[in-house]
């Protein structure tokens, strides 16, 4: 659950901070209210950062959180 939430947050935050988020092939779907169009490399970069952040949070806060 922690990794899922961190991936969603990373997708929302990192995709807006990348210098050229629309360079490269576009995703075959769009998330209109939040992300109108992003490229596949932007999506992969955001998912990588979200997984890294999620695992860091999971292993550092894992002892404090149940489950």
PDB file of N, CA and C in Angstrom:
ATOM      1  N   UNK A   1       0.816  -1.191   0.000  1.00  0.00           N
ATOM      2  CA  UNK A   1       0.000   0.000   0.000  1.00  0.00           C
ATOM      3  C   UNK A   1       0.867   1.264   0.000  1.00  0.00           C
ATOM      4  N   UNK A   2       1.974   1.212   0.734  1.00  0.00           N
ATOM      5  CA  UNK A   2       2.869   2.369   0.790  1.00  0.00           C
ATOM      6  C   UNK A   2       3.495   2.626  -0.577  1.00  0.00           C
ATOM      7  N   UNK A   3       3.896   1.566  -1.256  1.00  0.00           N
ATOM      8  CA  UNK A   3       4.524   1.718  -2.566  1.00  0.00           C
ATOM      9  C   UNK A   3       3.512   2.235  -3.582  1.00  0.00           C
ATOM     10  N   UNK A   4       2.286   1.772  -3.506  1.00  0.00           N
ATOM     11  CA  UNK A   4       1.244   2.240  -4.429  1.00  0.00           C
ATOM     12  C   UNK A   4       0.998   3.726  -4.260  1.00  0.00           C
ATOM     13  N   UNK A   5       0.872   4.172  -3.035  1.00  0.00           N
ATOM     14  CA  UNK A   5       0.623   5.592  -2.775  1.00  0.00           C
ATOM     15  C   UNK A   5       1.816   6.437  -3.205  1.00  0.00           C
ATOM     16  N   UNK A   6       3.020   5.962  -2.936  1.00  0.00           N
ATOM     17  CA  UNK A   6       4.199   6.734  -3.329  1.00  0.00           C
ATOM     18  C   UNK A   6       4.343   6.788  -4.851  1.00  0.00           C
ATOM     19  N   UNK A   7       3.933   5.734  -5.548  1.00  0.00           N
ATOM     20  CA  UNK A   7       3.982   5.755  -7.019  1.00  0.00           C
ATOM     21  C   UNK A   7       2.984   6.754  -7.589  1.00  0.00           C
ATOM     22  N   UNK A   8       1.813   6.803  -7.026  1.00  0.00           N
ATOM     23  CA  UNK A   8       0.804   7.767  -7.494  1.00  0.00           C
ATOM     24  C   UNK A   8       1.271   9.191  -7.227  1.00  0.00           C
ATOM     25  N   UNK A   9       1.810   9.438  -6.041  1.00  0.00           N
ATOM     26  CA  UNK A   9       2.325  10.773  -5.728  1.00  0.00           C
ATOM     27  C   UNK A   9       3.505  11.137  -6.628  1.00  0.00           C
ATOM     28  N   UNK A  10       4.376  10.180  -6.878  1.00  0.00           N
ATOM     29  CA  UNK A  10       5.513  10.450  -7.762  1.00  0.00           C
ATOM     30  C   UNK A  10       5.039  10.757  -9.174  1.00  0.00           C
ATOM     31  N   UNK A  11       4.046  10.042  -9.643  1.00  0.00           N
ATOM     32  CA  UNK A  11       3.523  10.301 -10.980  1.00  0.00           C
ATOM     33  C   UNK A  11       2.955  11.710 -11.071  1.00  0.00           C
ATOM     34  N   UNK A  12       2.255  12.140 -10.035  1.00  0.00           N
ATOM     35  CA  UNK A  12       1.668  13.479 -10.046  1.00  0.00           C
ATOM     36  C   UNK A  12       2.723  14.571  -9.902  1.00  0.00           C
ATOM     37  N   UNK A  13       3.707  14.364  -9.048  1.00  0.00           N
ATOM     38  CA  UNK A  13       4.689  15.412  -8.778  1.00  0.00           C
ATOM     39  C   UNK A  13       5.852  15.420  -9.770  1.00  0.00           C
ATOM     40  N   UNK A  14       6.409  14.273 -10.045  1.00  0.00           N
ATOM     41  CA  UNK A  14       7.598  14.223 -10.897  1.00  0.00           C
ATOM     42  C   UNK A  14       7.256  14.530 -12.351  1.00  0.00           C
ATOM     43  N   UNK A  15       6.104  14.093 -12.815  1.00  0.00           N
ATOM     44  CA  UNK A  15       5.752  14.367 -14.208  1.00  0.00           C
ATOM     45  C   UNK A  15       5.582  15.863 -14.467  1.00  0.00           C
ATOM     46  N   UNK A  16       5.299  16.631 -13.441  1.00  0.00           N
ATOM     47  CA  UNK A  16       5.190  18.086 -13.612  1.00  0.00           C
ATOM     48  C   UNK A  16       6.545  18.775 -13.506  1.00  0.00           C
ATOM     49  N   UNK A  17       7.535  18.110 -12.927  1.00  0.00           N
ATOM     50  CA  UNK A  17       8.848  18.720 -12.738  1.00  0.00           C
ATOM     51  C   UNK A  17       9.874  18.321 -13.790  1.00  0.00           C
ATOM     52  N   UNK A  18       9.557  17.372 -14.631  1.00  0.00           N
ATOM     53  CA  UNK A  18      10.467  16.977 -15.709  1.00  0.00           C
ATOM     54  C   UNK A  18      10.473  18.083 -16.756  1.00  0.00           C
ATOM     55  N   UNK A  19      11.663  18.401 -17.259  1.00  0.00           N
ATOM     56  CA  UNK A  19      11.804  19.537 -18.163  1.00  0.00           C
ATOM     57  C   UNK A  19      10.987  19.377 -19.452  1.00  0.00           C
ATOM     58  N   UNK A  20      11.039  18.200 -20.057  1.00  0.00           N
ATOM     59  CA  UNK A  20      10.296  17.952 -21.300  1.00  0.00           C
ATOM     60  C   UNK A  20       9.490  16.663 -21.150  1.00  0.00           C
ATOM     61  N   UNK A  21       8.328  16.709 -20.495  1.00  0.00           N
ATOM     62  CA  UNK A  21       7.579  15.483 -20.224  1.00  0.00           C
ATOM     63  C   UNK A  21       6.891  14.867 -21.438  1.00  0.00           C
ATOM     64  N   UNK A  22       6.809  15.587 -22.539  1.00  0.00           N
ATOM     65  CA  UNK A  22       6.081  15.069 -23.702  1.00  0.00           C
ATOM     66  C   UNK A  22       6.993  14.588 -24.815  1.00  0.00           C
ATOM     67  N   UNK A  23       8.289  14.468 -24.552  1.00  0.00           N
ATOM     68  CA  UNK A  23       9.236  14.004 -25.565  1.00  0.00           C
ATOM     69  C   UNK A  23       9.234  12.486 -25.574  1.00  0.00           C
ATOM     70  N   UNK A  24       9.090  11.908 -26.744  1.00  0.00           N
ATOM     71  CA  UNK A  24       9.056  10.459 -26.876  1.00  0.00           C
ATOM     72  C   UNK A  24       7.652   9.971 -27.169  1.00  0.00           C
ATOM     73  N   UNK A  25       7.493   8.651 -27.289  1.00  0.00           N
ATOM     74  CA  UNK A  25       6.169   8.107 -27.575  1.00  0.00           C
ATOM     75  C   UNK A  25       5.210   8.353 -26.409  1.00  0.00           C
ATOM     76  N   UNK A  26       3.973   8.669 -26.747  1.00  0.00           N
ATOM     77  CA  UNK A  26       2.962   8.967 -25.735  1.00  0.00           C
ATOM     78  C   UNK A  26       2.323   7.687 -25.229  1.00  0.00           C
ATOM     79  N   UNK A  27       1.795   7.761 -24.019  1.00  0.00           N
ATOM     80  CA  UNK A  27       1.037   6.638 -23.482  1.00  0.00           C
ATOM     81  C   UNK A  27      -0.230   6.442 -24.305  1.00  0.00           C
ATOM     82  N   UNK A  28      -0.703   5.219 -24.450  1.00  0.00           N
ATOM     83  CA  UNK A  28      -1.910   4.997 -25.249  1.00  0.00           C
ATOM     84  C   UNK A  28      -3.183   5.439 -24.543  1.00  0.00           C
ATOM     85  N   UNK A  29      -3.078   5.852 -23.300  1.00  0.00           N
ATOM     86  CA  UNK A  29      -4.233   6.348 -22.559  1.00  0.00           C
ATOM     87  C   UNK A  29      -3.849   7.663 -21.903  1.00  0.00           C
ATOM     88  N   UNK A  30      -4.841   8.439 -21.513  1.00  0.00           N
ATOM     89  CA  UNK A  30      -4.593   9.717 -20.837  1.00  0.00           C
ATOM     90  C   UNK A  30      -5.394   9.751 -19.549  1.00  0.00           C
ATOM     91  N   UNK A  31      -4.875  10.464 -18.595  1.00  0.00           N
ATOM     92  CA  UNK A  31      -5.577  10.695 -17.338  1.00  0.00           C
ATOM     93  C   UNK A  31      -5.992  12.161 -17.327  1.00  0.00           C
ATOM     94  N   UNK A  32      -7.093  12.491 -18.001  1.00  0.00           N
ATOM     95  CA  UNK A  32      -7.429  13.887 -18.302  1.00  0.00           C
ATOM     96  C   UNK A  32      -7.435  14.860 -17.121  1.00  0.00           C
ATOM     97  N   UNK A  33      -8.031  14.532 -15.986  1.00  0.00           N
ATOM     98  CA  UNK A  33      -8.079  15.577 -14.963  1.00  0.00           C
ATOM     99  C   UNK A  33      -6.716  15.904 -14.353  1.00  0.00           C
ATOM    100  N   UNK A  34      -5.834  14.934 -14.278  1.00  0.00           N
ATOM    101  CA  UNK A  34      -4.564  15.158 -13.594  1.00  0.00           C
ATOM    102  C   UNK A  34      -3.381  15.251 -14.538  1.00  0.00           C
ATOM    103  N   UNK A  35      -3.290  14.338 -15.488  1.00  0.00           N
ATOM    104  CA  UNK A  35      -2.174  14.294 -16.415  1.00  0.00           C
ATOM    105  C   UNK A  35      -2.709  14.190 -17.832  1.00  0.00           C
ATOM    106  N   UNK A  36      -2.852  15.300 -18.550  1.00  0.00           N
ATOM    107  CA  UNK A  36      -3.452  15.242 -19.882  1.00  0.00           C
ATOM    108  C   UNK A  36      -2.703  14.325 -20.844  1.00  0.00           C
ATOM    109  N   UNK A  37      -1.405  14.470 -20.943  1.00  0.00           N
ATOM    110  CA  UNK A  37      -0.631  13.570 -21.802  1.00  0.00           C
ATOM    111  C   UNK A  37       0.801  13.558 -21.302  1.00  0.00           C
ATOM    112  N   UNK A  38       1.325  12.373 -21.085  1.00  0.00           N
ATOM    113  CA  UNK A  38       2.722  12.223 -20.718  1.00  0.00           C
ATOM    114  C   UNK A  38       3.324  11.147 -21.600  1.00  0.00           C
ATOM    115  N   UNK A  39       4.627  11.175 -21.702  1.00  0.00           N
ATOM    116  CA  UNK A  39       5.297  10.191 -22.537  1.00  0.00           C
ATOM    117  C   UNK A  39       5.623   8.942 -21.728  1.00  0.00           C
ATOM    118  N   UNK A  40       5.956   7.898 -22.446  1.00  0.00           N
ATOM    119  CA  UNK A  40       6.322   6.637 -21.793  1.00  0.00           C
ATOM    120  C   UNK A  40       7.583   6.802 -20.940  1.00  0.00           C
ATOM    121  N   UNK A  41       8.632   7.504 -21.423  1.00  0.00           N
ATOM    122  CA  UNK A  41       9.799   7.702 -20.555  1.00  0.00           C
ATOM    123  C   UNK A  41       9.476   8.475 -19.270  1.00  0.00           C
ATOM    124  N   UNK A  42       8.579   9.448 -19.352  1.00  0.00           N
ATOM    125  CA  UNK A  42       8.181  10.183 -18.155  1.00  0.00           C
ATOM    126  C   UNK A  42       7.464   9.264 -17.188  1.00  0.00           C
ATOM    127  N   UNK A  43       6.585   8.417 -17.699  1.00  0.00           N
ATOM    128  CA  UNK A  43       5.856   7.475 -16.859  1.00  0.00           C
ATOM    129  C   UNK A  43       6.815   6.499 -16.177  1.00  0.00           C
ATOM    130  N   UNK A  44       7.783   5.981 -16.934  1.00  0.00           N
ATOM    131  CA  UNK A  44       8.747   5.028 -16.366  1.00  0.00           C
ATOM    132  C   UNK A  44       9.607   5.705 -15.300  1.00  0.00           C
ATOM    133  N   UNK A  45      10.052   6.932 -15.557  1.00  0.00           N
ATOM    134  CA  UNK A  45      10.866   7.657 -14.573  1.00  0.00           C
ATOM    135  C   UNK A  45      10.079   7.900 -13.290  1.00  0.00           C
ATOM    136  N   UNK A  46       8.818   8.289 -13.412  1.00  0.00           N
ATOM    137  CA  UNK A  46       7.997   8.536 -12.231  1.00  0.00           C
ATOM    138  C   UNK A  46       7.737   7.245 -11.459  1.00  0.00           C
ATOM    139  N   UNK A  47       7.511   6.138 -12.171  1.00  0.00           N
ATOM    140  CA  UNK A  47       7.287   4.865 -11.480  1.00  0.00           C
ATOM    141  C   UNK A  47       8.557   4.380 -10.776  1.00  0.00           C
ATOM    142  N   UNK A  48       9.713   4.578 -11.398  1.00  0.00           N
ATOM    143  CA  UNK A  48      10.975   4.200 -10.746  1.00  0.00           C
ATOM    144  C   UNK A  48      11.179   5.003  -9.467  1.00  0.00           C
ATOM    145  N   UNK A  49      10.989   6.307  -9.559  1.00  0.00           N
ATOM    146  CA  UNK A  49      11.155   7.151  -8.373  1.00  0.00           C
ATOM    147  C   UNK A  49      10.129   6.794  -7.306  1.00  0.00           C
ATOM    148  N   UNK A  50       8.909   6.484  -7.707  1.00  0.00           N
ATOM    149  CA  UNK A  50       7.881   6.097  -6.746  1.00  0.00           C
ATOM    150  C   UNK A  50       8.207   4.798  -6.041  1.00  0.00           C
ATOM    151  N   UNK A  51       8.749   3.836  -6.774  1.00  0.00           N
ATOM    152  CA  UNK A  51       9.132   2.568  -6.149  1.00  0.00           C
ATOM    153  C   UNK A  51      10.308   2.763  -5.191  1.00  0.00           C
ATOM    154  N   UNK A  52      11.287   3.550  -5.598  1.00  0.00           N
ATOM    155  CA  UNK A  52      12.423   3.805  -4.709  1.00  0.00           C
ATOM    156  C   UNK A  52      11.953   4.488  -3.434  1.00  0.00           C
ATOM    157  N   UNK A  53      11.152   5.532  -3.579  1.00  0.00           N
ATOM    158  CA  UNK A  53      10.623   6.237  -2.411  1.00  0.00           C
ATOM    159  C   UNK A  53       9.754   5.322  -1.564  1.00  0.00           C
ATOM    160  N   UNK A  54       8.931   4.517  -2.194  1.00  0.00           N
ATOM    161  CA  UNK A  54       8.047   3.603  -1.465  1.00  0.00           C
ATOM    162  C   UNK A  54       8.818   2.567  -0.663  1.00  0.00           C
ATOM    163  N   UNK A  55       9.859   1.996  -1.245  1.00  0.00           N
ATOM    164  CA  UNK A  55      10.642   0.997  -0.517  1.00  0.00           C
ATOM    165  C   UNK A  55      11.447   1.626   0.606  1.00  0.00           C
ATOM    166  N   UNK A  56      11.938   2.842   0.394  1.00  0.00           N
ATOM    167  CA  UNK A  56      12.632   3.533   1.488  1.00  0.00           C
ATOM    168  C   UNK A  56      11.667   3.787   2.639  1.00  0.00           C
ATOM    169  N   UNK A  57      10.474   4.266   2.323  1.00  0.00           N
ATOM    170  CA  UNK A  57       9.473   4.490   3.376  1.00  0.00           C
ATOM    171  C   UNK A  57       9.051   3.197   4.040  1.00  0.00           C
ATOM    172  N   UNK A  58       8.909   2.154   3.248  1.00  0.00           N
ATOM    173  CA  UNK A  58       8.461   0.874   3.808  1.00  0.00           C
ATOM    174  C   UNK A  58       9.485   0.295   4.768  1.00  0.00           C
ATOM    175  N   UNK A  59      10.762   0.383   4.413  1.00  0.00           N
ATOM    176  CA  UNK A  59      11.784  -0.202   5.272  1.00  0.00           C
ATOM    177  C   UNK A  59      12.158   0.680   6.455  1.00  0.00           C
ATOM    178  N   UNK A  60      11.983   1.994   6.316  1.00  0.00           N
ATOM    179  CA  UNK A  60      12.287   2.863   7.460  1.00  0.00           C
ATOM    180  C   UNK A  60      11.107   3.006   8.403  1.00  0.00           C
ATOM    181  N   UNK A  61       9.911   3.035   7.860  1.00  0.00           N
ATOM    182  CA  UNK A  61       8.720   3.159   8.710  1.00  0.00           C
ATOM    183  C   UNK A  61       8.033   1.831   8.939  1.00  0.00           C
ATOM    184  N   UNK A  62       8.576   0.781   8.382  1.00  0.00           N
ATOM    185  CA  UNK A  62       7.936  -0.549   8.469  1.00  0.00           C
ATOM    186  C   UNK A  62       7.745  -1.046   9.881  1.00  0.00           C
ATOM    187  N   UNK A  63       8.670  -0.726  10.739  1.00  0.00           N
ATOM    188  CA  UNK A  63       8.557  -1.187  12.134  1.00  0.00           C
ATOM    189  C   UNK A  63       7.449  -0.437  12.866  1.00  0.00           C
ATOM    190  N   UNK A  64       7.180   0.791  12.450  1.00  0.00           N
ATOM    191  CA  UNK A  64       6.178   1.595  13.144  1.00  0.00           C
ATOM    192  C   UNK A  64       4.758   1.354  12.629  1.00  0.00           C
ATOM    193  N   UNK A  65       4.660   0.861  11.379  1.00  0.00           N
ATOM    194  CA  UNK A  65       3.343   0.675  10.771  1.00  0.00           C
ATOM    195  C   UNK A  65       2.921  -0.787  10.840  1.00  0.00           C
ATOM    196  N   UNK A  66       1.656  -1.050  11.105  1.00  0.00           N
ATOM    197  CA  UNK A  66       1.189  -2.446  11.105  1.00  0.00           C
ATOM    198  C   UNK A  66       1.080  -2.980   9.676  1.00  0.00           C
ATOM    199  N   UNK A  67       1.240  -4.260   9.525  1.00  0.00           N
ATOM    200  CA  UNK A  67       1.056  -4.904   8.224  1.00  0.00           C
ATOM    201  C   UNK A  67       2.305  -4.956   7.503  1.00  0.00           C
TER     202      UNK A  67
END
